[in-house]
Amino acid sequence: MSRAGGIIAALRPAAVVAAGAIAVHQLRYLVGYGGEAPQALQNQGHAYLDALIPLLALLGGLTLLATVLAGMAGASQRPSRGVPMVRALMYAGAILAVFGAQETIEGVLVAGHPGGVAALVAHGGLIALPLAVGFGWVVWAAVRGLEALEEQLRAPAAQRRRPRRTSAFHPAVSAIPAPAAIAGAAGPRAPPSG
């Protein structure tokens, strides 16, 4: 795998996991606080997330663009296969890790944000577990879709790059008949007499 192919392969799940982590975070607050979620997010130092959402959209667009360009270039990168459930659970674990780190850091740095374990479980925080599992499957489907897109684009690109050969020899050489063809035209000889 080329260096660019490795970057693209790592960018796909990272971009989609980041979006999944934000979705889990926002839904966790919506479930925990209901209609007061926007106010709770504001009071607990989550206003910075409003700036992250457009950046995540940009990252998603760049990921799609990189996938399309890699496929059109015929990059030789194999999609990461594996058992879908294992991959989805790995993505869910990554989403939970981002969520947990984010809540813990906010609990330490932001006044008004619950700290310690309460940062993770207070006001419906445990809903993050099933949400992360659900979004783990969404991430798996999105990453697999991007891999399939690259595969579809790679096949025609590989055919375009393959040189067409009519002969293993230079065209002028292929016009000369083979020695067996010349000998066959002379006909069979009689055995020597003797």
N, C-alpha and C. Protein backbone atom coordinates (compact mmCIF):
# COMPACT_ATOMS: atom_id res chain seq x y z
N MET A 1 0.85 -1.18 0.00
CA MET A 1 0.00 0.00 0.00
C MET A 1 0.89 1.23 0.00
N SER A 2 0.54 2.18 -0.83
CA SER A 2 1.31 3.41 -0.89
C SER A 2 1.08 4.25 0.36
N ARG A 3 1.94 5.25 0.53
CA ARG A 3 1.78 6.13 1.70
C ARG A 3 0.45 6.86 1.64
N ALA A 4 0.10 7.36 0.45
CA ALA A 4 -1.19 8.06 0.28
C ALA A 4 -2.34 7.11 0.55
N GLY A 5 -2.24 5.87 0.06
CA GLY A 5 -3.29 4.88 0.31
C GLY A 5 -3.45 4.60 1.79
N GLY A 6 -2.35 4.56 2.53
CA GLY A 6 -2.41 4.34 3.97
C GLY A 6 -3.06 5.50 4.71
N ILE A 7 -2.77 6.72 4.24
CA ILE A 7 -3.39 7.90 4.85
C ILE A 7 -4.89 7.89 4.61
N ILE A 8 -5.29 7.57 3.39
CA ILE A 8 -6.71 7.52 3.07
C ILE A 8 -7.40 6.42 3.87
N ALA A 9 -6.75 5.26 3.98
CA ALA A 9 -7.34 4.15 4.73
C ALA A 9 -7.51 4.51 6.20
N ALA A 10 -6.61 5.31 6.76
CA ALA A 10 -6.74 5.74 8.16
C ALA A 10 -7.73 6.89 8.30
N LEU A 11 -7.79 7.75 7.28
CA LEU A 11 -8.67 8.91 7.34
C LEU A 11 -10.14 8.52 7.33
N ARG A 12 -10.48 7.50 6.56
CA ARG A 12 -11.89 7.09 6.48
C ARG A 12 -12.50 6.83 7.84
N PRO A 13 -12.01 5.84 8.58
CA PRO A 13 -12.66 5.56 9.87
C PRO A 13 -12.48 6.69 10.87
N ALA A 14 -11.34 7.39 10.83
CA ALA A 14 -11.13 8.48 11.79
C ALA A 14 -12.16 9.58 11.60
N ALA A 15 -12.42 9.95 10.35
CA ALA A 15 -13.39 11.01 10.08
C ALA A 15 -14.79 10.59 10.49
N VAL A 16 -15.16 9.35 10.19
CA VAL A 16 -16.51 8.90 10.49
C VAL A 16 -16.68 8.64 11.99
N VAL A 17 -15.63 8.14 12.66
CA VAL A 17 -15.70 7.96 14.12
C VAL A 17 -15.84 9.31 14.80
N ALA A 18 -15.12 10.32 14.32
CA ALA A 18 -15.24 11.65 14.92
C ALA A 18 -16.67 12.17 14.80
N ALA A 19 -17.28 11.99 13.64
CA ALA A 19 -18.68 12.41 13.47
C ALA A 19 -19.60 11.60 14.37
N GLY A 20 -19.33 10.30 14.50
CA GLY A 20 -20.13 9.45 15.39
C GLY A 20 -20.01 9.87 16.84
N ALA A 21 -18.80 10.26 17.26
CA ALA A 21 -18.59 10.70 18.64
C ALA A 21 -19.36 11.98 18.93
N ILE A 22 -19.37 12.91 18.00
CA ILE A 22 -20.14 14.14 18.19
C ILE A 22 -21.63 13.82 18.25
N ALA A 23 -22.09 12.93 17.36
CA ALA A 23 -23.50 12.55 17.36
C ALA A 23 -23.89 11.91 18.69
N VAL A 24 -23.06 11.00 19.20
CA VAL A 24 -23.34 10.36 20.49
C VAL A 24 -23.38 11.42 21.59
N HIS A 25 -22.43 12.33 21.58
CA HIS A 25 -22.38 13.38 22.60
C HIS A 25 -23.66 14.21 22.58
N GLN A 26 -24.05 14.67 21.40
CA GLN A 26 -25.22 15.53 21.30
C GLN A 26 -26.50 14.78 21.66
N LEU A 27 -26.63 13.54 21.20
CA LEU A 27 -27.82 12.75 21.52
C LEU A 27 -27.89 12.41 23.00
N ARG A 28 -26.74 12.17 23.61
CA ARG A 28 -26.70 11.88 25.06
C ARG A 28 -27.27 13.06 25.83
N TYR A 29 -26.92 14.27 25.43
CA TYR A 29 -27.46 15.46 26.11
C TYR A 29 -28.93 15.66 25.80
N LEU A 30 -29.33 15.35 24.59
CA LEU A 30 -30.74 15.47 24.24
C LEU A 30 -31.60 14.50 25.05
N VAL A 31 -31.11 13.28 25.22
CA VAL A 31 -31.84 12.29 26.03
C VAL A 31 -31.83 12.69 27.50
N GLY A 32 -30.69 13.13 27.99
CA GLY A 32 -30.56 13.44 29.42
C GLY A 32 -31.27 14.72 29.84
N TYR A 33 -31.31 15.70 28.96
CA TYR A 33 -31.86 17.00 29.34
C TYR A 33 -33.13 17.37 28.57
N GLY A 34 -33.49 16.59 27.58
CA GLY A 34 -34.70 16.87 26.81
C GLY A 34 -34.63 18.22 26.13
N GLY A 35 -35.69 19.00 26.28
CA GLY A 35 -35.77 20.31 25.65
C GLY A 35 -34.78 21.31 26.21
N GLU A 36 -34.20 21.02 27.37
CA GLU A 36 -33.22 21.91 27.98
C GLU A 36 -31.79 21.58 27.56
N ALA A 37 -31.64 20.68 26.61
CA ALA A 37 -30.30 20.25 26.18
C ALA A 37 -29.45 21.41 25.66
N PRO A 38 -29.98 22.29 24.80
CA PRO A 38 -29.12 23.39 24.33
C PRO A 38 -28.60 24.27 25.47
N GLN A 39 -29.46 24.54 26.45
CA GLN A 39 -29.04 25.36 27.59
C GLN A 39 -28.01 24.61 28.44
N ALA A 40 -28.22 23.31 28.65
CA ALA A 40 -27.26 22.51 29.42
C ALA A 40 -25.92 22.45 28.72
N LEU A 41 -25.95 22.29 27.40
CA LEU A 41 -24.69 22.26 26.65
C LEU A 41 -23.96 23.59 26.77
N GLN A 42 -24.70 24.67 26.70
CA GLN A 42 -24.09 26.01 26.82
C GLN A 42 -23.51 26.21 28.22
N ASN A 43 -24.25 25.83 29.25
CA ASN A 43 -23.82 26.04 30.63
C ASN A 43 -22.62 25.18 31.02
N GLN A 44 -22.48 24.04 30.36
CA GLN A 44 -21.42 23.10 30.73
C GLN A 44 -20.21 23.18 29.81
N GLY A 45 -20.10 24.26 29.06
CA GLY A 45 -18.90 24.49 28.28
C GLY A 45 -18.81 23.73 26.97
N HIS A 46 -19.95 23.44 26.37
CA HIS A 46 -19.94 22.68 25.12
C HIS A 46 -20.16 23.57 23.89
N ALA A 47 -20.06 24.87 24.06
CA ALA A 47 -20.29 25.78 22.93
C ALA A 47 -19.28 25.56 21.81
N TYR A 48 -18.09 25.08 22.14
CA TYR A 48 -17.07 24.86 21.11
C TYR A 48 -17.50 23.82 20.09
N LEU A 49 -18.45 22.96 20.45
CA LEU A 49 -18.90 21.92 19.51
C LEU A 49 -19.59 22.52 18.29
N ASP A 50 -20.20 23.68 18.45
CA ASP A 50 -20.84 24.33 17.31
C ASP A 50 -19.81 24.66 16.23
N ALA A 51 -18.59 24.97 16.63
CA ALA A 51 -17.53 25.26 15.67
C ALA A 51 -16.94 23.98 15.07
N LEU A 52 -17.02 22.87 15.80
CA LEU A 52 -16.46 21.61 15.31
C LEU A 52 -17.30 20.98 14.21
N ILE A 53 -18.60 21.19 14.25
CA ILE A 53 -19.48 20.51 13.30
C ILE A 53 -19.15 20.89 11.86
N PRO A 54 -18.96 22.19 11.53
CA PRO A 54 -18.55 22.49 10.14
C PRO A 54 -17.18 21.91 9.79
N LEU A 55 -16.27 21.86 10.76
CA LEU A 55 -14.95 21.27 10.49
C LEU A 55 -15.08 19.77 10.21
N LEU A 56 -15.98 19.10 10.93
CA LEU A 56 -16.21 17.67 10.67
C LEU A 56 -16.84 17.47 9.30
N ALA A 57 -17.72 18.37 8.91
CA ALA A 57 -18.31 18.28 7.57
C ALA A 57 -17.22 18.45 6.51
N LEU A 58 -16.31 19.38 6.72
CA LEU A 58 -15.19 19.57 5.80
C LEU A 58 -14.31 18.32 5.75
N LEU A 59 -14.02 17.75 6.92
CA LEU A 59 -13.23 16.52 6.97
C LEU A 59 -13.93 15.39 6.23
N GLY A 60 -15.23 15.29 6.39
CA GLY A 60 -15.99 14.27 5.67
C GLY A 60 -15.92 14.47 4.17
N GLY A 61 -16.04 15.72 3.73
CA GLY A 61 -15.93 16.02 2.31
C GLY A 61 -14.55 15.71 1.76
N LEU A 62 -13.52 16.03 2.52
CA LEU A 62 -12.15 15.71 2.09
C LEU A 62 -11.92 14.21 2.04
N THR A 63 -12.53 13.49 2.98
CA THR A 63 -12.41 12.03 2.97
C THR A 63 -13.05 11.46 1.72
N LEU A 64 -14.23 11.95 1.36
CA LEU A 64 -14.90 11.48 0.15
C LEU A 64 -14.07 11.84 -1.08
N LEU A 65 -13.55 13.05 -1.14
CA LEU A 65 -12.72 13.47 -2.27
C LEU A 65 -11.47 12.60 -2.38
N ALA A 66 -10.80 12.34 -1.26
CA ALA A 66 -9.60 11.51 -1.28
C ALA A 66 -9.92 10.09 -1.75
N THR A 67 -11.06 9.57 -1.34
CA THR A 67 -11.48 8.24 -1.76
C THR A 67 -11.71 8.20 -3.26
N VAL A 68 -12.41 9.19 -3.79
CA VAL A 68 -12.69 9.25 -5.22
C VAL A 68 -11.39 9.39 -6.01
N LEU A 69 -10.49 10.28 -5.59
CA LEU A 69 -9.23 10.48 -6.30
C LEU A 69 -8.36 9.23 -6.25
N ALA A 70 -8.33 8.56 -5.11
CA ALA A 70 -7.54 7.32 -4.99
C ALA A 70 -8.10 6.25 -5.91
N GLY A 71 -9.41 6.14 -5.97
CA GLY A 71 -10.02 5.15 -6.85
C GLY A 71 -9.77 5.46 -8.31
N MET A 72 -9.89 6.73 -8.69
CA MET A 72 -9.68 7.12 -10.09
C MET A 72 -8.22 6.96 -10.50
N ALA A 73 -7.31 7.09 -9.53
CA ALA A 73 -5.89 6.91 -9.83
C ALA A 73 -5.51 5.44 -9.89
N GLY A 74 -6.44 4.58 -9.48
CA GLY A 74 -6.16 3.15 -9.50
C GLY A 74 -5.22 2.73 -8.40
N ALA A 75 -5.24 3.45 -7.28
CA ALA A 75 -4.37 3.14 -6.16
C ALA A 75 -4.59 1.69 -5.73
N SER A 76 -3.51 1.01 -5.45
CA SER A 76 -3.60 -0.40 -5.07
C SER A 76 -3.70 -0.51 -3.55
N GLN A 77 -4.89 -0.27 -3.07
CA GLN A 77 -5.13 -0.37 -1.63
C GLN A 77 -6.28 -1.31 -1.41
N ARG A 78 -6.06 -2.34 -0.64
CA ARG A 78 -7.12 -3.30 -0.36
C ARG A 78 -7.99 -2.78 0.76
N PRO A 79 -9.30 -2.93 0.61
CA PRO A 79 -10.17 -2.51 1.71
C PRO A 79 -9.97 -3.43 2.90
N SER A 80 -10.13 -2.86 4.07
CA SER A 80 -9.98 -3.67 5.27
C SER A 80 -11.22 -4.51 5.46
N ARG A 81 -11.04 -5.79 5.28
CA ARG A 81 -12.14 -6.72 5.46
C ARG A 81 -12.13 -7.15 6.92
N GLY A 82 -12.92 -8.08 7.23
CA GLY A 82 -12.98 -8.60 8.58
C GLY A 82 -14.43 -8.83 8.94
N VAL A 83 -14.62 -9.37 10.09
CA VAL A 83 -15.96 -9.67 10.56
C VAL A 83 -16.66 -8.34 10.86
N PRO A 84 -17.79 -8.08 10.21
CA PRO A 84 -18.46 -6.79 10.41
C PRO A 84 -18.76 -6.48 11.87
N MET A 85 -19.18 -7.48 12.65
CA MET A 85 -19.50 -7.22 14.04
C MET A 85 -18.27 -6.76 14.82
N VAL A 86 -17.14 -7.38 14.54
CA VAL A 86 -15.90 -7.01 15.23
C VAL A 86 -15.51 -5.58 14.87
N ARG A 87 -15.59 -5.27 13.58
CA ARG A 87 -15.25 -3.90 13.15
C ARG A 87 -16.22 -2.88 13.75
N ALA A 88 -17.51 -3.20 13.74
CA ALA A 88 -18.50 -2.27 14.30
C ALA A 88 -18.26 -2.05 15.79
N LEU A 89 -17.92 -3.12 16.51
CA LEU A 89 -17.64 -2.97 17.94
C LEU A 89 -16.34 -2.20 18.18
N MET A 90 -15.38 -2.36 17.30
CA MET A 90 -14.14 -1.58 17.43
C MET A 90 -14.46 -0.09 17.22
N TYR A 91 -15.28 0.22 16.24
CA TYR A 91 -15.67 1.60 16.01
C TYR A 91 -16.48 2.13 17.20
N ALA A 92 -17.35 1.29 17.75
CA ALA A 92 -18.13 1.71 18.93
C ALA A 92 -17.19 2.00 20.10
N GLY A 93 -16.17 1.16 20.29
CA GLY A 93 -15.19 1.40 21.34
C GLY A 93 -14.43 2.70 21.13
N ALA A 94 -14.10 2.99 19.87
CA ALA A 94 -13.41 4.25 19.57
C ALA A 94 -14.32 5.44 19.86
N ILE A 95 -15.58 5.33 19.51
CA ILE A 95 -16.54 6.40 19.79
C ILE A 95 -16.66 6.62 21.29
N LEU A 96 -16.77 5.52 22.04
CA LEU A 96 -16.86 5.65 23.51
C LEU A 96 -15.59 6.24 24.10
N ALA A 97 -14.44 5.87 23.55
CA ALA A 97 -13.18 6.43 24.05
C ALA A 97 -13.13 7.94 23.82
N VAL A 98 -13.55 8.38 22.63
CA VAL A 98 -13.57 9.82 22.35
C VAL A 98 -14.57 10.51 23.27
N PHE A 99 -15.75 9.93 23.42
CA PHE A 99 -16.78 10.51 24.29
C PHE A 99 -16.27 10.61 25.73
N GLY A 100 -15.68 9.52 26.22
CA GLY A 100 -15.18 9.51 27.60
C GLY A 100 -14.06 10.51 27.82
N ALA A 101 -13.12 10.59 26.88
CA ALA A 101 -12.03 11.55 27.00
C ALA A 101 -12.57 12.97 26.95
N GLN A 102 -13.49 13.21 26.05
CA GLN A 102 -14.07 14.54 25.92
C GLN A 102 -14.78 14.96 27.20
N GLU A 103 -15.62 14.11 27.75
CA GLU A 103 -16.35 14.44 28.97
C GLU A 103 -15.41 14.61 30.17
N THR A 104 -14.40 13.77 30.25
CA THR A 104 -13.44 13.86 31.36
C THR A 104 -12.65 15.17 31.28
N ILE A 105 -12.17 15.51 30.11
CA ILE A 105 -11.41 16.76 29.94
C ILE A 105 -12.30 17.96 30.24
N GLU A 106 -13.53 17.92 29.76
CA GLU A 106 -14.46 19.02 30.04
C GLU A 106 -14.74 19.12 31.54
N GLY A 107 -14.84 17.98 32.22
CA GLY A 107 -15.08 17.99 33.66
C GLY A 107 -13.93 18.62 34.43
N VAL A 108 -12.71 18.48 33.92
CA VAL A 108 -11.54 19.06 34.58
C VAL A 108 -11.38 20.54 34.24
N LEU A 109 -11.62 20.90 32.98
CA LEU A 109 -11.30 22.25 32.53
C LEU A 109 -12.45 23.26 32.62
N VAL A 110 -13.68 22.82 32.60
CA VAL A 110 -14.80 23.74 32.48
C VAL A 110 -15.58 23.82 33.79
N ALA A 111 -15.73 25.05 34.28
CA ALA A 111 -16.55 25.27 35.49
C ALA A 111 -18.01 25.01 35.12
N GLY A 112 -18.74 24.35 35.99
CA GLY A 112 -20.14 24.05 35.76
C GLY A 112 -20.37 22.71 35.10
N HIS A 113 -19.30 22.04 34.69
CA HIS A 113 -19.42 20.71 34.08
C HIS A 113 -19.18 19.68 35.16
N PRO A 114 -20.03 18.64 35.26
CA PRO A 114 -19.76 17.60 36.26
C PRO A 114 -18.37 17.00 36.05
N GLY A 115 -17.72 16.61 37.13
CA GLY A 115 -16.39 16.03 37.04
C GLY A 115 -16.40 14.56 37.41
N GLY A 116 -15.28 13.91 37.19
CA GLY A 116 -15.11 12.51 37.56
C GLY A 116 -16.08 11.60 36.82
N VAL A 117 -16.57 10.60 37.55
CA VAL A 117 -17.49 9.63 36.96
C VAL A 117 -18.81 10.30 36.58
N ALA A 118 -19.21 11.30 37.35
CA ALA A 118 -20.46 12.01 37.05
C ALA A 118 -20.44 12.62 35.65
N ALA A 119 -19.27 13.01 35.18
CA ALA A 119 -19.17 13.58 33.84
C ALA A 119 -19.63 12.57 32.79
N LEU A 120 -19.44 11.29 33.09
CA LEU A 120 -19.79 10.25 32.14
C LEU A 120 -21.20 9.70 32.31
N VAL A 121 -21.70 9.64 33.54
CA VAL A 121 -22.96 8.94 33.78
C VAL A 121 -24.12 9.82 34.23
N ALA A 122 -23.85 11.05 34.65
CA ALA A 122 -24.93 11.90 35.16
C ALA A 122 -25.88 12.29 34.03
N HIS A 123 -27.12 12.53 34.37
CA HIS A 123 -28.16 12.99 33.44
C HIS A 123 -28.23 12.14 32.17
N GLY A 124 -28.35 10.84 32.36
CA GLY A 124 -28.52 9.94 31.22
C GLY A 124 -27.25 9.62 30.46
N GLY A 125 -26.11 9.79 31.09
CA GLY A 125 -24.84 9.53 30.41
C GLY A 125 -24.66 8.10 29.97
N LEU A 126 -25.30 7.15 30.66
CA LEU A 126 -25.15 5.75 30.27
C LEU A 126 -25.80 5.44 28.92
N ILE A 127 -26.66 6.32 28.45
CA ILE A 127 -27.26 6.11 27.13
C ILE A 127 -26.18 6.15 26.04
N ALA A 128 -25.02 6.69 26.38
CA ALA A 128 -23.92 6.74 25.41
C ALA A 128 -23.50 5.33 24.98
N LEU A 129 -23.65 4.34 25.84
CA LEU A 129 -23.24 2.97 25.49
C LEU A 129 -24.04 2.42 24.31
N PRO A 130 -25.37 2.34 24.41
CA PRO A 130 -26.10 1.82 23.24
C PRO A 130 -26.01 2.75 22.02
N LEU A 131 -25.93 4.05 22.27
CA LEU A 131 -25.76 4.97 21.13
C LEU A 131 -24.45 4.70 20.41
N ALA A 132 -23.39 4.47 21.17
CA ALA A 132 -22.08 4.20 20.56
C ALA A 132 -22.11 2.90 19.76
N VAL A 133 -22.80 1.89 20.26
CA VAL A 133 -22.90 0.63 19.52
C VAL A 133 -23.66 0.85 18.21
N GLY A 134 -24.76 1.59 18.30
CA GLY A 134 -25.51 1.89 17.08
C GLY A 134 -24.70 2.68 16.08
N PHE A 135 -24.00 3.69 16.57
CA PHE A 135 -23.17 4.49 15.66
C PHE A 135 -21.93 3.72 15.21
N GLY A 136 -21.50 2.72 15.97
CA GLY A 136 -20.42 1.84 15.50
C GLY A 136 -20.82 1.14 14.22
N TRP A 137 -22.08 0.68 14.15
CA TRP A 137 -22.58 0.06 12.93
C TRP A 137 -22.71 1.07 11.81
N VAL A 138 -23.11 2.29 12.13
CA VAL A 138 -23.21 3.34 11.12
C VAL A 138 -21.82 3.64 10.55
N VAL A 139 -20.82 3.72 11.43
CA VAL A 139 -19.44 3.97 10.99
C VAL A 139 -18.98 2.82 10.10
N TRP A 140 -19.24 1.58 10.51
CA TRP A 140 -18.85 0.43 9.70
C TRP A 140 -19.47 0.53 8.30
N ALA A 141 -20.76 0.84 8.24
CA ALA A 141 -21.44 0.93 6.94
C ALA A 141 -20.86 2.07 6.10
N ALA A 142 -20.57 3.19 6.72
CA ALA A 142 -20.02 4.33 5.97
C ALA A 142 -18.61 4.01 5.45
N VAL A 143 -17.78 3.42 6.29
CA VAL A 143 -16.41 3.08 5.87
C VAL A 143 -16.46 2.03 4.77
N ARG A 144 -17.30 1.03 4.94
CA ARG A 144 -17.42 -0.02 3.91
C ARG A 144 -17.94 0.58 2.60
N GLY A 145 -18.86 1.53 2.69
CA GLY A 145 -19.37 2.20 1.50
C GLY A 145 -18.27 2.98 0.78
N LEU A 146 -17.43 3.67 1.54
CA LEU A 146 -16.32 4.40 0.93
C LEU A 146 -15.32 3.44 0.29
N GLU A 147 -15.07 2.32 0.95
CA GLU A 147 -14.17 1.31 0.37
C GLU A 147 -14.74 0.75 -0.93
N ALA A 148 -16.04 0.48 -0.93
CA ALA A 148 -16.69 -0.04 -2.14
C ALA A 148 -16.64 0.98 -3.27
N LEU A 149 -16.83 2.25 -2.93
CA LEU A 149 -16.74 3.31 -3.94
C LEU A 149 -15.35 3.33 -4.56
N GLU A 150 -14.33 3.24 -3.72
CA GLU A 150 -12.97 3.24 -4.25
C GLU A 150 -12.72 2.02 -5.13
N GLU A 151 -13.22 0.85 -4.72
CA GLU A 151 -13.07 -0.36 -5.53
C GLU A 151 -13.72 -0.19 -6.90
N GLN A 152 -14.93 0.38 -6.91
CA GLN A 152 -15.64 0.57 -8.18
C GLN A 152 -14.90 1.53 -9.09
N LEU A 153 -14.32 2.56 -8.53
CA LEU A 153 -13.58 3.53 -9.33
C LEU A 153 -12.22 2.99 -9.77
N ARG A 154 -11.65 2.10 -8.97
CA ARG A 154 -10.32 1.57 -9.26
C ARG A 154 -10.34 0.65 -10.47
N ALA A 155 -11.37 -0.16 -10.65
CA ALA A 155 -11.41 -1.14 -11.74
C ALA A 155 -11.29 -0.46 -13.11
N PRO A 156 -12.10 0.54 -13.44
CA PRO A 156 -11.92 1.19 -14.74
C PRO A 156 -10.57 1.91 -14.85
N ALA A 157 -10.07 2.45 -13.76
CA ALA A 157 -8.77 3.14 -13.79
C ALA A 157 -7.66 2.16 -14.11
N ALA A 158 -7.73 0.97 -13.56
CA ALA A 158 -6.70 -0.04 -13.83
C ALA A 158 -6.74 -0.46 -15.29
N GLN A 159 -7.94 -0.54 -15.87
CA GLN A 159 -8.04 -0.90 -17.28
C GLN A 159 -7.50 0.21 -18.18
N ARG A 160 -7.70 1.47 -17.79
CA ARG A 160 -7.18 2.58 -18.59
C ARG A 160 -5.65 2.60 -18.57
N ARG A 161 -5.05 2.21 -17.46
CA ARG A 161 -3.60 2.28 -17.34
C ARG A 161 -2.91 1.09 -17.99
N ARG A 162 -3.61 -0.01 -18.21
CA ARG A 162 -3.01 -1.22 -18.76
C ARG A 162 -2.70 -1.00 -20.24
N PRO A 163 -1.43 -1.15 -20.65
CA PRO A 163 -1.10 -0.93 -22.06
C PRO A 163 -1.68 -2.06 -22.93
N ARG A 164 -2.09 -1.71 -24.13
CA ARG A 164 -2.63 -2.71 -25.06
C ARG A 164 -1.47 -3.26 -25.88
N ARG A 165 -1.36 -4.56 -25.93
CA ARG A 165 -0.29 -5.19 -26.71
C ARG A 165 -0.92 -6.10 -27.75
N THR A 166 -0.43 -5.97 -28.95
CA THR A 166 -0.89 -6.86 -30.02
C THR A 166 0.12 -7.96 -30.26
N SER A 167 1.37 -7.70 -29.92
CA SER A 167 2.42 -8.68 -30.14
C SER A 167 3.49 -8.48 -29.07
N ALA A 168 4.16 -9.56 -28.75
CA ALA A 168 5.25 -9.46 -27.79
C ALA A 168 6.47 -8.83 -28.44
N PHE A 169 6.50 -8.78 -29.78
CA PHE A 169 7.62 -8.24 -30.51
C PHE A 169 7.27 -6.87 -31.07
N HIS A 170 8.26 -6.23 -31.56
CA HIS A 170 8.07 -4.96 -32.25
C HIS A 170 7.19 -5.20 -33.48
N PRO A 171 6.33 -4.28 -33.89
CA PRO A 171 5.42 -4.50 -35.03
C PRO A 171 6.14 -4.91 -36.31
N ALA A 172 7.32 -4.39 -36.58
CA ALA A 172 8.03 -4.75 -37.81
C ALA A 172 8.48 -6.20 -37.75
N VAL A 173 8.84 -6.68 -36.58
CA VAL A 173 9.31 -8.05 -36.42
C VAL A 173 8.15 -9.02 -36.58
N SER A 174 6.96 -8.63 -36.15
CA SER A 174 5.83 -9.55 -36.20
C SER A 174 5.36 -9.78 -37.64
N ALA A 175 5.80 -8.96 -38.61
CA ALA A 175 5.43 -9.15 -40.01
C ALA A 175 6.25 -10.25 -40.68
N ILE A 176 7.38 -10.64 -40.08
CA ILE A 176 8.23 -11.71 -40.63
C ILE A 176 7.64 -13.03 -40.20
N PRO A 177 7.40 -13.95 -41.14
CA PRO A 177 6.81 -15.24 -40.77
C PRO A 177 7.77 -16.08 -39.93
N ALA A 178 7.20 -16.90 -39.10
CA ALA A 178 7.99 -17.77 -38.24
C ALA A 178 8.67 -18.85 -39.09
N PRO A 179 9.86 -19.36 -38.66
CA PRO A 179 10.58 -20.38 -39.44
C PRO A 179 9.74 -21.62 -39.69
N ALA A 180 8.92 -22.05 -38.78
CA ALA A 180 8.11 -23.25 -38.96
C ALA A 180 7.12 -23.06 -40.10
N ALA A 181 6.60 -21.85 -40.25
CA ALA A 181 5.66 -21.58 -41.33
C ALA A 181 6.36 -21.65 -42.68
N ILE A 182 7.60 -21.19 -42.75
CA ILE A 182 8.37 -21.24 -44.00
C ILE A 182 8.70 -22.69 -44.35
N ALA A 183 9.14 -23.47 -43.41
CA ALA A 183 9.52 -24.86 -43.64
C ALA A 183 8.30 -25.69 -44.02
N GLY A 184 7.16 -25.38 -43.48
CA GLY A 184 5.95 -26.15 -43.77
C GLY A 184 5.52 -25.96 -45.21
N ALA A 185 5.84 -24.85 -45.85
CA ALA A 185 5.44 -24.59 -47.23
C ALA A 185 6.27 -25.41 -48.21
N ALA A 186 7.47 -25.86 -47.82
CA ALA A 186 8.36 -26.61 -48.72
C ALA A 186 7.90 -28.04 -48.88
N GLY A 187 7.11 -28.57 -48.04
CA GLY A 187 6.63 -29.94 -48.15
C GLY A 187 7.61 -30.94 -47.54
N PRO A 188 7.18 -32.16 -47.38
CA PRO A 188 8.06 -33.17 -46.76
C PRO A 188 9.15 -33.63 -47.75
N ARG A 189 10.28 -34.04 -47.17
CA ARG A 189 11.40 -34.55 -47.99
C ARG A 189 11.43 -36.05 -47.88
N ALA A 190 11.98 -36.64 -48.93
CA ALA A 190 12.17 -38.09 -48.91
C ALA A 190 13.41 -38.40 -48.08
N PRO A 191 13.48 -39.60 -47.51
CA PRO A 191 14.69 -39.96 -46.77
C PRO A 191 15.91 -40.07 -47.68
N PRO A 192 17.06 -39.83 -47.15
CA PRO A 192 18.27 -39.92 -47.99
C PRO A 192 18.47 -41.35 -48.50
N SER A 193 18.96 -41.47 -49.74
CA SER A 193 19.19 -42.80 -50.30
C SER A 193 20.63 -43.24 -50.01
N GLY A 194 20.75 -44.44 -49.85
CA GLY A 194 21.96 -44.82 -49.54
C GLY A 194 22.89 -45.74 -49.32
